[in-house]
N, C-alpha and C. Protein backbone atom coordinates (compact mmCIF):
# COMPACT_ATOMS: atom_id res chain seq x y z
N MET A 1 0.85 -1.20 0.00
CA MET A 1 0.00 0.00 0.00
C MET A 1 0.88 1.25 0.00
N ASN A 2 0.48 2.19 -0.77
CA ASN A 2 1.20 3.46 -0.85
C ASN A 2 1.15 4.15 0.52
N ASN A 3 2.31 4.51 1.06
CA ASN A 3 2.40 5.13 2.39
C ASN A 3 1.59 6.43 2.49
N LYS A 4 1.46 7.12 1.34
CA LYS A 4 0.73 8.39 1.31
C LYS A 4 -0.74 8.20 1.71
N ASN A 5 -1.32 7.05 1.28
CA ASN A 5 -2.74 6.79 1.54
C ASN A 5 -2.97 5.96 2.79
N LYS A 6 -1.91 5.59 3.47
CA LYS A 6 -2.03 4.73 4.64
C LYS A 6 -2.68 5.49 5.80
N HIS A 7 -3.60 4.83 6.50
CA HIS A 7 -4.26 5.39 7.68
C HIS A 7 -3.85 4.59 8.92
N LEU A 8 -3.74 5.26 10.04
CA LEU A 8 -3.47 4.58 11.30
C LEU A 8 -4.44 5.07 12.37
N ARG A 9 -4.87 4.17 13.23
CA ARG A 9 -5.71 4.54 14.37
C ARG A 9 -4.77 5.17 15.39
N THR A 10 -4.99 6.41 15.74
CA THR A 10 -4.03 7.13 16.59
C THR A 10 -4.70 7.91 17.71
N PHE A 11 -3.88 8.23 18.72
CA PHE A 11 -4.33 9.09 19.81
C PHE A 11 -3.14 9.84 20.37
N ILE A 12 -3.45 10.94 21.08
CA ILE A 12 -2.42 11.78 21.71
C ILE A 12 -2.54 11.58 23.21
N ALA A 13 -1.42 11.34 23.88
CA ALA A 13 -1.50 10.97 25.30
C ALA A 13 -0.26 11.37 26.09
N LEU A 14 -0.42 11.30 27.42
CA LEU A 14 0.69 11.47 28.36
C LEU A 14 0.98 10.10 28.96
N ASP A 15 2.25 9.83 29.19
CA ASP A 15 2.63 8.57 29.83
C ASP A 15 2.45 8.66 31.34
N VAL A 16 2.37 7.48 31.98
CA VAL A 16 2.32 7.42 33.44
C VAL A 16 3.57 6.70 33.93
N ASN A 17 3.77 6.70 35.25
CA ASN A 17 4.96 6.04 35.78
C ASN A 17 4.63 4.64 36.34
N GLU A 18 5.68 3.93 36.80
CA GLU A 18 5.51 2.56 37.30
C GLU A 18 4.63 2.51 38.54
N SER A 19 4.65 3.54 39.36
CA SER A 19 3.80 3.56 40.57
C SER A 19 2.32 3.47 40.18
N VAL A 20 1.94 4.22 39.15
CA VAL A 20 0.54 4.20 38.69
C VAL A 20 0.22 2.84 38.07
N GLN A 21 1.16 2.27 37.34
CA GLN A 21 0.94 0.93 36.77
C GLN A 21 0.73 -0.10 37.88
N GLY A 22 1.47 0.04 38.99
CA GLY A 22 1.31 -0.85 40.14
C GLY A 22 -0.07 -0.70 40.77
N ILE A 23 -0.54 0.54 40.88
CA ILE A 23 -1.87 0.79 41.43
C ILE A 23 -2.94 0.17 40.52
N LEU A 24 -2.73 0.27 39.21
CA LEU A 24 -3.67 -0.34 38.26
C LEU A 24 -3.76 -1.85 38.52
N ARG A 25 -2.61 -2.53 38.64
CA ARG A 25 -2.60 -3.98 38.89
C ARG A 25 -3.38 -4.30 40.16
N ASP A 26 -3.09 -3.58 41.26
CA ASP A 26 -3.75 -3.83 42.55
C ASP A 26 -5.26 -3.60 42.44
N THR A 27 -5.66 -2.53 41.75
CA THR A 27 -7.07 -2.18 41.63
C THR A 27 -7.82 -3.25 40.84
N ILE A 28 -7.22 -3.73 39.76
CA ILE A 28 -7.86 -4.79 38.96
C ILE A 28 -8.05 -6.04 39.80
N LEU A 29 -7.03 -6.43 40.59
CA LEU A 29 -7.14 -7.61 41.46
C LEU A 29 -8.30 -7.45 42.45
N LYS A 30 -8.40 -6.27 43.06
CA LYS A 30 -9.48 -6.01 44.02
C LYS A 30 -10.85 -6.09 43.35
N LEU A 31 -10.96 -5.48 42.17
CA LEU A 31 -12.24 -5.49 41.44
C LEU A 31 -12.65 -6.91 41.06
N GLU A 32 -11.66 -7.71 40.62
CA GLU A 32 -11.97 -9.10 40.25
C GLU A 32 -12.42 -9.90 41.48
N ARG A 33 -11.78 -9.67 42.62
CA ARG A 33 -12.19 -10.36 43.86
C ARG A 33 -13.61 -9.97 44.27
N MET A 34 -14.00 -8.73 43.95
CA MET A 34 -15.34 -8.24 44.27
C MET A 34 -16.40 -8.78 43.31
N GLY A 35 -15.96 -9.37 42.19
CA GLY A 35 -16.91 -9.94 41.24
C GLY A 35 -17.08 -9.17 39.94
N PHE A 36 -16.26 -8.15 39.73
CA PHE A 36 -16.32 -7.40 38.47
C PHE A 36 -15.62 -8.20 37.38
N LYS A 37 -16.21 -8.19 36.19
CA LYS A 37 -15.55 -8.79 35.03
C LYS A 37 -15.47 -7.70 33.96
N GLY A 38 -14.32 -7.62 33.30
CA GLY A 38 -14.17 -6.57 32.30
C GLY A 38 -12.98 -6.77 31.39
N ASN A 39 -12.86 -5.90 30.42
CA ASN A 39 -11.65 -5.83 29.59
C ASN A 39 -10.73 -4.86 30.30
N TRP A 40 -9.74 -5.40 31.00
CA TRP A 40 -8.86 -4.57 31.83
C TRP A 40 -7.72 -4.00 31.01
N THR A 41 -7.31 -2.78 31.36
CA THR A 41 -6.17 -2.14 30.70
C THR A 41 -4.88 -2.82 31.14
N LYS A 42 -4.03 -3.15 30.18
CA LYS A 42 -2.72 -3.72 30.52
C LYS A 42 -1.87 -2.59 31.09
N PRO A 43 -1.13 -2.85 32.18
CA PRO A 43 -0.33 -1.77 32.80
C PRO A 43 0.58 -1.04 31.80
N GLU A 44 1.17 -1.78 30.86
CA GLU A 44 2.08 -1.14 29.90
C GLU A 44 1.31 -0.27 28.89
N ASN A 45 0.00 -0.44 28.80
CA ASN A 45 -0.82 0.38 27.89
C ASN A 45 -1.49 1.56 28.58
N LEU A 46 -1.30 1.69 29.88
CA LEU A 46 -1.98 2.77 30.62
C LEU A 46 -1.39 4.13 30.24
N HIS A 47 -2.27 5.07 29.96
CA HIS A 47 -1.85 6.43 29.57
C HIS A 47 -3.01 7.39 29.82
N LEU A 48 -2.72 8.66 29.83
CA LEU A 48 -3.75 9.69 29.95
C LEU A 48 -4.01 10.24 28.56
N THR A 49 -5.18 9.90 27.99
CA THR A 49 -5.52 10.35 26.65
C THR A 49 -5.89 11.83 26.66
N LEU A 50 -5.24 12.59 25.79
CA LEU A 50 -5.58 14.01 25.61
C LEU A 50 -6.56 14.17 24.46
N HIS A 51 -6.40 13.32 23.43
CA HIS A 51 -7.35 13.35 22.32
C HIS A 51 -7.22 12.07 21.50
N PHE A 52 -8.36 11.46 21.19
CA PHE A 52 -8.38 10.28 20.32
C PHE A 52 -8.64 10.76 18.90
N LEU A 53 -7.68 10.49 18.02
CA LEU A 53 -7.80 10.94 16.63
C LEU A 53 -8.55 9.95 15.75
N GLY A 54 -8.48 8.66 16.10
CA GLY A 54 -9.11 7.64 15.27
C GLY A 54 -8.28 7.38 14.02
N ASP A 55 -8.94 6.87 12.99
CA ASP A 55 -8.27 6.54 11.73
C ASP A 55 -7.80 7.81 11.04
N THR A 56 -6.49 7.98 10.94
CA THR A 56 -5.93 9.23 10.43
C THR A 56 -4.86 8.92 9.39
N PRO A 57 -4.84 9.66 8.28
CA PRO A 57 -3.76 9.46 7.29
C PRO A 57 -2.39 9.75 7.92
N VAL A 58 -1.42 8.93 7.54
CA VAL A 58 -0.06 9.07 8.08
C VAL A 58 0.48 10.48 7.84
N THR A 59 0.21 11.05 6.67
CA THR A 59 0.71 12.40 6.36
C THR A 59 0.09 13.44 7.32
N LYS A 60 -1.16 13.23 7.70
CA LYS A 60 -1.85 14.15 8.62
C LYS A 60 -1.27 14.01 10.03
N ILE A 61 -0.90 12.80 10.42
CA ILE A 61 -0.30 12.57 11.75
C ILE A 61 1.01 13.35 11.86
N THR A 62 1.80 13.31 10.78
CA THR A 62 3.07 14.06 10.75
C THR A 62 2.81 15.55 10.89
N GLU A 63 1.79 16.05 10.19
CA GLU A 63 1.43 17.46 10.27
C GLU A 63 1.01 17.84 11.69
N VAL A 64 0.19 16.98 12.31
CA VAL A 64 -0.25 17.23 13.69
C VAL A 64 0.95 17.30 14.63
N ALA A 65 1.90 16.39 14.46
CA ALA A 65 3.10 16.38 15.31
C ALA A 65 3.87 17.70 15.18
N LYS A 66 3.99 18.18 13.95
CA LYS A 66 4.71 19.45 13.72
C LYS A 66 3.96 20.63 14.36
N ARG A 67 2.64 20.65 14.19
CA ARG A 67 1.82 21.72 14.80
C ARG A 67 1.92 21.68 16.32
N MET A 68 1.89 20.46 16.88
CA MET A 68 2.01 20.33 18.33
C MET A 68 3.37 20.85 18.81
N GLU A 69 4.41 20.51 18.06
CA GLU A 69 5.75 20.98 18.42
C GLU A 69 5.78 22.50 18.46
N GLU A 70 5.19 23.14 17.44
CA GLU A 70 5.16 24.61 17.39
C GLU A 70 4.46 25.20 18.62
N ARG A 71 3.41 24.51 19.09
CA ARG A 71 2.60 25.07 20.17
C ARG A 71 3.12 24.73 21.56
N ILE A 72 3.77 23.56 21.74
CA ILE A 72 4.09 23.16 23.12
C ILE A 72 5.57 23.15 23.48
N VAL A 73 6.47 23.39 22.51
CA VAL A 73 7.87 23.53 22.92
C VAL A 73 7.94 24.76 23.82
N GLY A 74 8.56 24.62 24.97
CA GLY A 74 8.62 25.72 25.93
C GLY A 74 7.52 25.66 26.97
N PHE A 75 6.59 24.70 26.81
CA PHE A 75 5.53 24.53 27.82
C PHE A 75 6.19 24.10 29.13
N PRO A 76 5.73 24.61 30.28
CA PRO A 76 6.40 24.25 31.53
C PRO A 76 6.18 22.79 31.93
N THR A 77 7.25 22.17 32.42
CA THR A 77 7.13 20.83 32.99
C THR A 77 6.20 20.94 34.20
N PHE A 78 5.31 19.96 34.37
CA PHE A 78 4.38 20.00 35.50
C PHE A 78 4.10 18.57 35.95
N ALA A 79 3.16 18.40 36.86
CA ALA A 79 2.81 17.05 37.33
C ALA A 79 1.30 16.98 37.51
N PHE A 80 0.77 15.77 37.35
CA PHE A 80 -0.63 15.54 37.71
C PHE A 80 -0.70 14.48 38.80
N ASN A 81 -1.78 14.50 39.56
CA ASN A 81 -1.98 13.53 40.65
C ASN A 81 -2.99 12.48 40.21
N VAL A 82 -2.75 11.26 40.64
CA VAL A 82 -3.73 10.18 40.48
C VAL A 82 -4.15 9.84 41.90
N ASP A 83 -5.46 10.01 42.21
CA ASP A 83 -5.79 9.87 43.64
C ASP A 83 -7.18 9.34 43.97
N LYS A 84 -7.92 8.82 42.97
CA LYS A 84 -9.23 8.27 43.33
C LYS A 84 -9.70 7.31 42.25
N ILE A 85 -10.74 6.53 42.60
CA ILE A 85 -11.36 5.61 41.65
C ILE A 85 -12.76 6.12 41.35
N GLY A 86 -13.15 6.10 40.09
CA GLY A 86 -14.49 6.54 39.72
C GLY A 86 -15.02 5.69 38.59
N TYR A 87 -16.15 6.08 38.02
CA TYR A 87 -16.77 5.29 36.96
C TYR A 87 -17.67 6.15 36.10
N PHE A 88 -17.89 5.66 34.87
CA PHE A 88 -18.92 6.20 33.99
C PHE A 88 -19.98 5.11 33.93
N LYS A 89 -21.26 5.50 34.02
CA LYS A 89 -22.30 4.47 33.98
C LYS A 89 -23.38 4.83 32.98
N SER A 90 -24.13 3.81 32.58
CA SER A 90 -25.33 4.03 31.78
C SER A 90 -26.34 2.95 32.18
N ASN A 91 -27.60 3.33 32.27
CA ASN A 91 -28.67 2.41 32.70
C ASN A 91 -28.34 1.70 34.01
N ASN A 92 -27.76 2.46 34.93
CA ASN A 92 -27.40 1.96 36.26
C ASN A 92 -26.41 0.79 36.26
N HIS A 93 -25.61 0.71 35.20
CA HIS A 93 -24.53 -0.28 35.13
C HIS A 93 -23.23 0.47 34.84
N PRO A 94 -22.13 0.04 35.48
CA PRO A 94 -20.87 0.72 35.18
C PRO A 94 -20.39 0.34 33.78
N ARG A 95 -20.00 1.32 33.00
CA ARG A 95 -19.44 1.06 31.66
C ARG A 95 -17.92 1.02 31.73
N VAL A 96 -17.37 2.03 32.44
CA VAL A 96 -15.91 2.16 32.55
C VAL A 96 -15.56 2.50 33.99
N ILE A 97 -14.54 1.83 34.52
CA ILE A 97 -13.99 2.20 35.83
C ILE A 97 -12.66 2.88 35.54
N TRP A 98 -12.41 4.00 36.23
CA TRP A 98 -11.21 4.79 35.95
C TRP A 98 -10.54 5.28 37.24
N MET A 99 -9.29 5.70 37.06
CA MET A 99 -8.56 6.39 38.14
C MET A 99 -8.62 7.88 37.83
N GLY A 100 -8.98 8.67 38.83
CA GLY A 100 -9.13 10.11 38.63
C GLY A 100 -7.80 10.82 38.58
N VAL A 101 -7.75 11.84 37.74
CA VAL A 101 -6.54 12.63 37.53
C VAL A 101 -6.84 14.08 37.87
N GLU A 102 -5.95 14.69 38.64
CA GLU A 102 -6.06 16.12 38.96
C GLU A 102 -4.79 16.79 38.48
N GLY A 103 -4.93 17.66 37.47
CA GLY A 103 -3.75 18.33 36.92
C GLY A 103 -3.87 19.83 36.92
N GLY A 104 -4.99 20.32 37.49
CA GLY A 104 -5.18 21.76 37.60
C GLY A 104 -5.22 22.46 36.24
N ASN A 105 -4.97 23.76 36.28
CA ASN A 105 -5.04 24.58 35.07
C ASN A 105 -3.96 24.24 34.05
N THR A 106 -2.81 23.77 34.53
CA THR A 106 -1.71 23.49 33.60
C THR A 106 -2.10 22.35 32.66
N LEU A 107 -2.72 21.30 33.20
CA LEU A 107 -3.16 20.18 32.35
C LEU A 107 -4.24 20.66 31.37
N LYS A 108 -5.15 21.50 31.84
CA LYS A 108 -6.20 22.05 30.95
C LYS A 108 -5.58 22.89 29.84
N GLN A 109 -4.57 23.71 30.20
CA GLN A 109 -3.90 24.54 29.19
C GLN A 109 -3.20 23.68 28.15
N LEU A 110 -2.55 22.60 28.61
CA LEU A 110 -1.87 21.70 27.68
C LEU A 110 -2.91 21.07 26.73
N HIS A 111 -4.02 20.63 27.28
CA HIS A 111 -5.09 20.05 26.46
C HIS A 111 -5.57 21.07 25.43
N ASN A 112 -5.76 22.33 25.86
CA ASN A 112 -6.19 23.39 24.93
C ASN A 112 -5.19 23.59 23.80
N GLU A 113 -3.89 23.54 24.11
CA GLU A 113 -2.85 23.68 23.07
C GLU A 113 -2.92 22.53 22.06
N ILE A 114 -3.19 21.33 22.56
CA ILE A 114 -3.32 20.15 21.67
C ILE A 114 -4.51 20.36 20.73
N ILE A 115 -5.64 20.80 21.29
CA ILE A 115 -6.85 21.03 20.48
C ILE A 115 -6.58 22.11 19.42
N LYS A 116 -5.85 23.18 19.80
CA LYS A 116 -5.51 24.24 18.83
C LYS A 116 -4.63 23.66 17.71
N SER A 117 -3.69 22.78 18.07
CA SER A 117 -2.83 22.14 17.06
C SER A 117 -3.66 21.34 16.07
N LEU A 118 -4.68 20.64 16.58
CA LEU A 118 -5.54 19.82 15.71
C LEU A 118 -6.35 20.70 14.77
N LYS A 119 -6.88 21.80 15.31
CA LYS A 119 -7.67 22.72 14.49
C LYS A 119 -6.80 23.34 13.39
N LEU A 120 -5.55 23.68 13.74
CA LEU A 120 -4.62 24.23 12.74
C LEU A 120 -4.30 23.21 11.65
N SER A 121 -4.46 21.92 11.98
CA SER A 121 -4.24 20.85 11.00
C SER A 121 -5.53 20.46 10.30
N ASN A 122 -6.57 21.29 10.47
CA ASN A 122 -7.89 21.05 9.85
C ASN A 122 -8.51 19.72 10.26
N ILE A 123 -8.36 19.38 11.54
CA ILE A 123 -9.00 18.18 12.07
C ILE A 123 -10.22 18.62 12.86
N GLN A 124 -11.35 17.99 12.57
CA GLN A 124 -12.60 18.31 13.28
C GLN A 124 -12.48 17.90 14.74
N VAL A 125 -12.80 18.82 15.65
CA VAL A 125 -12.72 18.53 17.08
C VAL A 125 -14.08 18.85 17.70
N THR A 126 -14.66 17.88 18.38
CA THR A 126 -15.94 18.15 19.06
C THR A 126 -15.64 18.88 20.36
N GLU A 127 -16.42 19.89 20.64
CA GLU A 127 -16.19 20.72 21.82
C GLU A 127 -16.84 20.08 23.05
N GLU A 128 -16.22 19.05 23.59
CA GLU A 128 -16.74 18.45 24.82
C GLU A 128 -15.76 18.69 25.95
N GLU A 129 -16.28 18.69 27.17
CA GLU A 129 -15.42 19.00 28.31
C GLU A 129 -14.38 17.90 28.50
N PHE A 130 -13.15 18.31 28.76
CA PHE A 130 -12.05 17.38 28.98
C PHE A 130 -12.16 16.84 30.41
N THR A 131 -12.34 15.52 30.53
CA THR A 131 -12.41 14.87 31.85
C THR A 131 -11.21 13.93 31.95
N PRO A 132 -10.08 14.42 32.49
CA PRO A 132 -8.89 13.58 32.51
C PRO A 132 -9.07 12.36 33.41
N HIS A 133 -8.76 11.17 32.88
CA HIS A 133 -8.86 9.94 33.66
C HIS A 133 -7.98 8.87 33.02
N LEU A 134 -7.69 7.84 33.80
CA LEU A 134 -6.93 6.69 33.33
C LEU A 134 -7.88 5.49 33.38
N THR A 135 -8.14 4.89 32.25
CA THR A 135 -9.11 3.79 32.19
C THR A 135 -8.55 2.53 32.84
N VAL A 136 -9.25 2.03 33.86
CA VAL A 136 -8.89 0.77 34.52
C VAL A 136 -9.43 -0.38 33.67
N GLY A 137 -10.69 -0.26 33.24
CA GLY A 137 -11.27 -1.30 32.39
C GLY A 137 -12.67 -0.96 31.94
N ARG A 138 -13.08 -1.63 30.87
CA ARG A 138 -14.46 -1.54 30.38
C ARG A 138 -15.20 -2.73 30.97
N ILE A 139 -16.29 -2.46 31.66
CA ILE A 139 -16.95 -3.48 32.47
C ILE A 139 -17.97 -4.28 31.67
N LYS A 140 -17.86 -5.61 31.79
CA LYS A 140 -18.81 -6.51 31.13
C LYS A 140 -19.87 -6.96 32.13
N LYS A 141 -19.44 -7.22 33.37
CA LYS A 141 -20.36 -7.74 34.39
C LYS A 141 -19.97 -7.14 35.74
N ALA A 142 -20.97 -6.69 36.49
CA ALA A 142 -20.70 -6.07 37.80
C ALA A 142 -21.54 -6.78 38.88
N PRO A 143 -21.03 -6.85 40.11
CA PRO A 143 -21.81 -7.44 41.20
C PRO A 143 -23.00 -6.55 41.57
N GLU A 144 -23.90 -7.09 42.37
CA GLU A 144 -25.16 -6.40 42.68
C GLU A 144 -24.97 -5.00 43.26
N PHE A 145 -24.18 -4.85 44.30
CA PHE A 145 -24.01 -3.54 44.95
C PHE A 145 -22.72 -2.88 44.48
N TRP A 146 -22.56 -2.81 43.16
CA TRP A 146 -21.30 -2.38 42.57
C TRP A 146 -20.90 -0.97 42.98
N GLU A 147 -21.87 -0.04 43.09
CA GLU A 147 -21.52 1.35 43.42
C GLU A 147 -20.90 1.45 44.81
N LYS A 148 -21.47 0.72 45.77
CA LYS A 148 -20.93 0.72 47.14
C LYS A 148 -19.53 0.11 47.16
N LEU A 149 -19.33 -0.93 46.37
CA LEU A 149 -18.01 -1.59 46.33
C LEU A 149 -16.94 -0.65 45.75
N ILE A 150 -17.29 0.07 44.69
CA ILE A 150 -16.31 1.00 44.10
C ILE A 150 -15.97 2.11 45.10
N LYS A 151 -16.97 2.55 45.87
CA LYS A 151 -16.74 3.64 46.84
C LYS A 151 -15.74 3.26 47.92
N VAL A 152 -15.63 1.95 48.26
CA VAL A 152 -14.68 1.55 49.30
C VAL A 152 -13.25 1.42 48.76
N LEU A 153 -13.12 1.43 47.45
CA LEU A 153 -11.77 1.36 46.87
C LEU A 153 -11.10 2.73 46.99
N ASP A 154 -9.96 2.75 47.63
CA ASP A 154 -9.22 4.01 47.59
C ASP A 154 -7.78 3.69 47.23
N ILE A 155 -7.14 4.66 46.62
CA ILE A 155 -5.78 4.43 46.17
C ILE A 155 -4.85 5.49 46.75
N GLU A 156 -3.62 5.07 46.88
CA GLU A 156 -2.58 5.98 47.37
C GLU A 156 -2.35 7.06 46.32
N ARG A 157 -2.21 8.29 46.76
CA ARG A 157 -1.99 9.40 45.83
C ARG A 157 -0.60 9.30 45.21
N VAL A 158 -0.55 9.41 43.89
CA VAL A 158 0.72 9.34 43.17
C VAL A 158 0.86 10.59 42.33
N ILE A 159 2.08 11.12 42.28
CA ILE A 159 2.37 12.30 41.47
C ILE A 159 3.10 11.83 40.21
N VAL A 160 2.60 12.28 39.05
CA VAL A 160 3.19 11.87 37.77
C VAL A 160 3.76 13.11 37.07
N PRO A 161 5.10 13.19 36.94
CA PRO A 161 5.69 14.33 36.25
C PRO A 161 5.44 14.26 34.74
N VAL A 162 5.26 15.42 34.11
CA VAL A 162 4.99 15.48 32.67
C VAL A 162 5.97 16.45 32.01
N SER A 163 6.70 15.95 31.01
CA SER A 163 7.61 16.83 30.27
C SER A 163 7.51 16.59 28.77
N ALA A 164 6.55 15.74 28.35
CA ALA A 164 6.40 15.45 26.92
C ALA A 164 4.99 14.94 26.64
N VAL A 165 4.58 15.12 25.38
CA VAL A 165 3.31 14.60 24.89
C VAL A 165 3.65 13.62 23.76
N HIS A 166 2.86 12.55 23.63
CA HIS A 166 3.16 11.50 22.65
C HIS A 166 1.99 11.24 21.71
N ILE A 167 2.32 10.89 20.48
CA ILE A 167 1.30 10.42 19.53
C ILE A 167 1.54 8.92 19.37
N TYR A 168 0.51 8.14 19.65
CA TYR A 168 0.58 6.68 19.55
C TYR A 168 -0.28 6.17 18.40
N SER A 169 0.18 5.07 17.79
CA SER A 169 -0.71 4.33 16.90
C SER A 169 -1.30 3.19 17.74
N SER A 170 -2.50 2.77 17.37
CA SER A 170 -3.18 1.71 18.12
C SER A 170 -3.66 0.66 17.12
N THR A 171 -3.13 -0.55 17.24
CA THR A 171 -3.55 -1.65 16.38
C THR A 171 -4.40 -2.59 17.21
N LEU A 172 -5.65 -2.79 16.79
CA LEU A 172 -6.56 -3.65 17.54
C LEU A 172 -6.30 -5.11 17.19
N THR A 173 -6.14 -5.94 18.23
CA THR A 173 -5.96 -7.39 18.04
C THR A 173 -6.95 -8.12 18.94
N ARG A 174 -7.05 -9.43 18.78
CA ARG A 174 -7.97 -10.21 19.61
C ARG A 174 -7.57 -10.19 21.09
N THR A 175 -6.29 -10.02 21.34
CA THR A 175 -5.80 -10.03 22.73
C THR A 175 -5.71 -8.62 23.32
N GLY A 176 -6.25 -7.64 22.59
CA GLY A 176 -6.21 -6.26 23.07
C GLY A 176 -5.40 -5.39 22.14
N PRO A 177 -5.45 -4.06 22.37
CA PRO A 177 -4.73 -3.14 21.48
C PRO A 177 -3.22 -3.19 21.68
N ILE A 178 -2.50 -2.94 20.60
CA ILE A 178 -1.04 -2.81 20.68
C ILE A 178 -0.74 -1.35 20.35
N TYR A 179 -0.07 -0.67 21.29
CA TYR A 179 0.25 0.75 21.10
C TYR A 179 1.71 0.90 20.72
N LYS A 180 1.96 1.79 19.77
CA LYS A 180 3.33 2.08 19.36
C LYS A 180 3.51 3.59 19.34
N LYS A 181 4.54 4.06 20.03
CA LYS A 181 4.82 5.49 20.09
C LYS A 181 5.38 5.93 18.74
N MET A 182 4.69 6.88 18.09
CA MET A 182 5.15 7.37 16.79
C MET A 182 5.99 8.63 16.93
N TYR A 183 5.46 9.60 17.71
CA TYR A 183 6.14 10.87 17.92
C TYR A 183 6.09 11.23 19.40
N SER A 184 7.13 11.87 19.87
CA SER A 184 7.15 12.46 21.20
C SER A 184 7.51 13.93 21.02
N ILE A 185 6.77 14.79 21.67
CA ILE A 185 7.12 16.22 21.64
C ILE A 185 7.51 16.60 23.05
N ASP A 186 8.81 16.80 23.22
CA ASP A 186 9.38 17.14 24.51
C ASP A 186 9.23 18.65 24.71
N PHE A 187 8.82 19.05 25.91
CA PHE A 187 8.60 20.49 26.16
C PHE A 187 9.88 21.29 25.95
N GLU A 188 11.04 20.67 26.24
CA GLU A 188 12.30 21.39 26.09
C GLU A 188 13.04 21.06 24.81
N GLY A 189 12.98 19.79 24.41
CA GLY A 189 13.83 19.34 23.29
C GLY A 189 13.17 19.29 21.93
N GLY A 190 11.85 19.46 21.89
CA GLY A 190 11.17 19.41 20.60
C GLY A 190 10.75 18.01 20.21
N MET A 191 10.57 17.79 18.90
CA MET A 191 10.01 16.54 18.41
C MET A 191 11.03 15.42 18.30
N ILE A 192 10.60 14.22 18.71
CA ILE A 192 11.41 13.01 18.56
C ILE A 192 10.55 12.04 17.74
N ILE A 193 11.09 11.53 16.64
CA ILE A 193 10.37 10.56 15.81
C ILE A 193 10.76 9.18 16.29
N ASN A 194 9.75 8.38 16.65
CA ASN A 194 10.03 7.06 17.24
C ASN A 194 9.88 5.92 16.24
N GLY A 195 10.14 6.19 14.99
CA GLY A 195 10.13 5.11 14.00
C GLY A 195 8.83 4.96 13.27
């Protein structure tokens, strides 16, 4: 296939550290013991999504990376906290269980810069509120008093330093998605092409 016409499923995200990956493992074990069944996030795949691009032409991904570099080089290094468990529900059933992220105005500003980069690249962006979270899993089956059980789960507060934003490709397989880092935009060093 001609590389010019090639599309990749992509998203823009921040990485997390090993402490957060450890909390994810512990949380999944607790949820499984409580009777939750779901498609759990693999610790090595855990990230904070800033924007899901979906199926995007490779040439457009390169353009987005360049626009992001223009907008976020010089952005201040900051940190976000991971400090609670929550969920999204529909019809009184949990759809997604997540770890809450608090990054204050700096995280919101970074998200705004990413959205501006996308608009400059002529990518349609829906204006929905940014709710930063780390997906623990998509729930297939929940125990009867699931809301009360989630409320008793608490996690140790972890601070995650941020000095770069990444563009990942996502290949869906039967055993779960495979993520590959395509570009990293370092706040100080600029763009790094990861192959």
